[in-house]
C-alpha atoms as a PDB file:
ATOM      1  CA  MET A   1      30.505  31.538 -48.174  1.00  0.00           C
ATOM      2  CA  SER A   2      27.041  32.759 -47.008  1.00  0.00           C
ATOM      3  CA  ASP A   3      26.081  32.672 -43.145  1.00  0.00           C
ATOM      4  CA  VAL A   4      23.767  30.384 -42.060  1.00  0.00           C
ATOM      5  CA  LYS A   5      20.683  31.682 -40.690  1.00  0.00           C
ATOM      6  CA  ILE A   6      18.760  29.189 -38.924  1.00  0.00           C
ATOM      7  CA  VAL A   7      14.869  29.445 -37.941  1.00  0.00           C
ATOM      8  CA  HIS A   8      12.836  27.423 -35.604  1.00  0.00           C
ATOM      9  CA  ASN A   9       9.622  26.552 -37.931  1.00  0.00           C
ATOM     10  CA  THR A  10       7.135  25.477 -35.118  1.00  0.00           C
ATOM     11  CA  ALA A  11       4.270  25.076 -37.505  1.00  0.00           C
ATOM     12  CA  ASP A  12       6.158  22.252 -39.775  1.00  0.00           C
ATOM     13  CA  HIS A  13       7.974  21.083 -36.293  1.00  0.00           C
ATOM     14  CA  ARG A  14      11.851  21.495 -37.688  1.00  0.00           C
ATOM     15  CA  TYR A  15      14.765  23.878 -37.468  1.00  0.00           C
ATOM     16  CA  GLU A  16      15.792  25.319 -40.925  1.00  0.00           C
ATOM     17  CA  GLY A  17      18.885  26.402 -42.366  1.00  0.00           C
ATOM     18  CA  TRP A  18      19.166  29.201 -44.600  1.00  0.00           C
ATOM     19  CA  CYS A  19      21.861  30.466 -46.821  1.00  0.00           C
ATOM     20  CA  ASP A  20      20.855  33.790 -48.407  1.00  0.00           C
ATOM     21  CA  ASP A  21      17.269  33.139 -49.713  1.00  0.00           C
ATOM     22  CA  GLU A  22      17.663  29.695 -49.976  1.00  0.00           C
ATOM     23  CA  LEU A  23      16.268  26.720 -47.699  1.00  0.00           C
ATOM     24  CA  ALA A  24      19.581  24.752 -47.475  1.00  0.00           C
ATOM     25  CA  GLY A  25      18.712  21.891 -44.696  1.00  0.00           C
ATOM     26  CA  PHE A  26      16.641  21.394 -41.638  1.00  0.00           C
ATOM     27  CA  ALA A  27      16.296  19.100 -39.053  1.00  0.00           C
ATOM     28  CA  GLU A  28      12.957  17.592 -37.963  1.00  0.00           C
ATOM     29  CA  TYR A  29      11.448  17.007 -34.922  1.00  0.00           C
ATOM     30  CA  ARG A  30       8.332  15.596 -32.964  1.00  0.00           C
ATOM     31  CA  LEU A  31       7.087  15.986 -29.312  1.00  0.00           C
ATOM     32  CA  THR A  32       6.617  13.387 -27.209  1.00  0.00           C
ATOM     33  CA  ASP A  33       5.634  13.479 -23.706  1.00  0.00           C
ATOM     34  CA  GLY A  34       7.472  16.560 -23.759  1.00  0.00           C
ATOM     35  CA  VAL A  35      10.618  14.915 -25.176  1.00  0.00           C
ATOM     36  CA  VAL A  36      11.720  16.251 -28.542  1.00  0.00           C
ATOM     37  CA  VAL A  37      12.298  13.527 -31.028  1.00  0.00           C
ATOM     38  CA  PHE A  38      14.915  14.571 -33.541  1.00  0.00           C
ATOM     39  CA  THR A  39      13.764  12.050 -36.784  1.00  0.00           C
ATOM     40  CA  HIS A  40      15.598  13.299 -39.616  1.00  0.00           C
ATOM     41  CA  THR A  41      18.182  16.143 -40.709  1.00  0.00           C
ATOM     42  CA  GLU A  42      18.845  17.048 -44.179  1.00  0.00           C
ATOM     43  CA  VAL A  43      21.101  19.336 -46.363  1.00  0.00           C
ATOM     44  CA  ASP A  44      20.768  19.607 -49.887  1.00  0.00           C
ATOM     45  CA  ASP A  45      23.574  18.772 -51.754  1.00  0.00           C
ATOM     46  CA  ARG A  46      24.808  21.930 -53.377  1.00  0.00           C
ATOM     47  CA  PHE A  47      25.532  23.018 -49.103  1.00  0.00           C
ATOM     48  CA  GLU A  48      27.181  20.132 -48.224  1.00  0.00           C
ATOM     49  CA  GLY A  49      30.869  20.716 -46.367  1.00  0.00           C
ATOM     50  CA  ARG A  50      29.146  24.729 -45.355  1.00  0.00           C
ATOM     51  CA  GLY A  51      28.296  23.564 -41.821  1.00  0.00           C
ATOM     52  CA  VAL A  52      24.704  23.863 -42.654  1.00  0.00           C
ATOM     53  CA  GLY A  53      24.074  20.267 -40.484  1.00  0.00           C
ATOM     54  CA  SER A  54      26.136  21.612 -37.604  1.00  0.00           C
ATOM     55  CA  ALA A  55      24.941  25.173 -37.426  1.00  0.00           C
ATOM     56  CA  LEU A  56      21.251  23.462 -37.209  1.00  0.00           C
ATOM     57  CA  ALA A  57      22.284  20.511 -34.534  1.00  0.00           C
ATOM     58  CA  ARG A  58      23.671  23.397 -32.444  1.00  0.00           C
ATOM     59  CA  PHE A  59      20.726  25.616 -32.522  1.00  0.00           C
ATOM     60  CA  ALA A  60      18.154  23.057 -32.279  1.00  0.00           C
ATOM     61  CA  LEU A  61      20.161  21.988 -28.963  1.00  0.00           C
ATOM     62  CA  GLU A  62      20.853  25.335 -27.345  1.00  0.00           C
ATOM     63  CA  ASP A  63      16.976  26.135 -28.314  1.00  0.00           C
ATOM     64  CA  VAL A  64      15.856  23.593 -26.226  1.00  0.00           C
ATOM     65  CA  ARG A  65      18.336  23.896 -23.711  1.00  0.00           C
ATOM     66  CA  ASP A  66      17.035  27.475 -23.148  1.00  0.00           C
ATOM     67  CA  ASP A  67      13.570  26.532 -23.439  1.00  0.00           C
ATOM     68  CA  GLY A  68      14.515  24.668 -19.848  1.00  0.00           C
ATOM     69  CA  GLY A  69      12.997  21.460 -18.721  1.00  0.00           C
ATOM     70  CA  ARG A  70      12.995  19.427 -22.032  1.00  0.00           C
ATOM     71  CA  LYS A  71      14.891  16.058 -23.132  1.00  0.00           C
ATOM     72  CA  VAL A  72      15.834  14.915 -26.749  1.00  0.00           C
ATOM     73  CA  ARG A  73      15.934  11.690 -28.159  1.00  0.00           C
ATOM     74  CA  PRO A  74      18.645  12.025 -31.269  1.00  0.00           C
ATOM     75  CA  VAL A  75      16.959   9.376 -33.286  1.00  0.00           C
ATOM     76  CA  CYS A  76      18.652  10.556 -36.073  1.00  0.00           C
ATOM     77  CA  PRO A  77      21.974   9.170 -36.463  1.00  0.00           C
ATOM     78  CA  PHE A  78      23.541  13.215 -37.298  1.00  0.00           C
ATOM     79  CA  ILE A  79      21.788  14.728 -34.200  1.00  0.00           C
ATOM     80  CA  LYS A  80      23.537  11.363 -32.212  1.00  0.00           C
ATOM     81  CA  THR A  81      27.128  11.651 -33.385  1.00  0.00           C
ATOM     82  CA  TRP A  82      26.403  16.020 -33.213  1.00  0.00           C
ATOM     83  CA  ILE A  83      25.857  15.452 -29.596  1.00  0.00           C
ATOM     84  CA  ASP A  84      28.340  12.556 -29.169  1.00  0.00           C
ATOM     85  CA  LYS A  85      30.983  15.102 -30.529  1.00  0.00           C
ATOM     86  CA  HIS A  86      29.806  17.909 -27.902  1.00  0.00           C
ATOM     87  CA  PRO A  87      29.480  16.354 -24.892  1.00  0.00           C
ATOM     88  CA  GLU A  88      28.254  19.678 -23.328  1.00  0.00           C
ATOM     89  CA  PHE A  89      24.654  18.709 -25.045  1.00  0.00           C
ATOM     90  CA  ALA A  90      25.024  15.093 -23.598  1.00  0.00           C
ATOM     91  CA  THR A  91      22.804  16.334 -20.395  1.00  0.00           C
ATOM     92  CA  LEU A  92      20.073  17.438 -22.559  1.00  0.00           C
ATOM     93  CA  VAL A  93      19.566  13.463 -23.708  1.00  0.00           C
ATOM     94  CA  GLU A  94      16.987  11.747 -22.125  1.00  0.00           C
ATOM     95  CA  ASP A  95      17.836   8.602 -19.760  1.00  0.00           C
ATOM     96  CA  ALA A  96      18.066   5.875 -22.238  1.00  0.00           C
ATOM     97  CA  HIS A  97      16.201   3.834 -19.794  1.00  0.00           C
ATOM     98  CA  ALA A  98      13.095   5.988 -20.321  1.00  0.00           C
ATOM     99  CA  ALA A  99      13.018   5.658 -23.916  1.00  0.00           C
ATOM    100  CA  THR A 100      10.465   3.346 -25.273  1.00  0.00           C
ATOM    101  CA  ASP A 101      10.224   4.003 -29.308  1.00  0.00           C
ATOM    102  CA  THR A 102       9.589   1.015 -31.028  1.00  0.00           C
ATOM    103  CA  ALA A 103      11.766   0.131 -33.806  1.00  0.00           C
ATOM    104  CA  ALA A 104       9.298   1.568 -36.065  1.00  0.00           C
ATOM    105  CA  ASP A 105       9.672   4.821 -33.983  1.00  0.00           C
ATOM    106  CA  THR A 106      13.488   4.760 -34.647  1.00  0.00           C
ATOM    107  CA  THR A 107      13.669   4.676 -38.094  1.00  0.00           C
ATOM    108  CA  ALA A 108      15.419   7.722 -39.171  1.00  0.00           C
ATOM    109  CA  ASP A 109      18.300   8.904 -41.673  1.00  0.00           C
ATOM    110  CA  THR A 110      20.007  11.799 -42.362  1.00  0.00           C
ATOM    111  CA  THR A 111      21.810  13.314 -45.296  1.00  0.00           C
ATOM    112  CA  ALA A 112      23.680  16.462 -43.101  1.00  0.00           C
ATOM    113  CA  ASP A 113      27.213  17.371 -43.722  1.00  0.00           C
END
């Protein structure tokens, strides 16, 4: 198994997971009023079960934490579940009362591992 290399692609607003020279997966986000809104995470079927999704989530959340001052809104079910399983990142989640996304903004899916 190859190591997963995570890259923050700021131009495309996503974190990318690379195995060797192949894009294995990504976690997309958008910035809204200083909040990093994770909207979609996807891992290519060929790389499922190799920890790509977890590596993406950990790197992205550590990056937000290290940047300081920002909160996250985990609209993507994979990122939300990952945070639930890793409570050390729960302090990054914005206050539920502050979230004002409409139902249209909360439509997201995931195919991460």
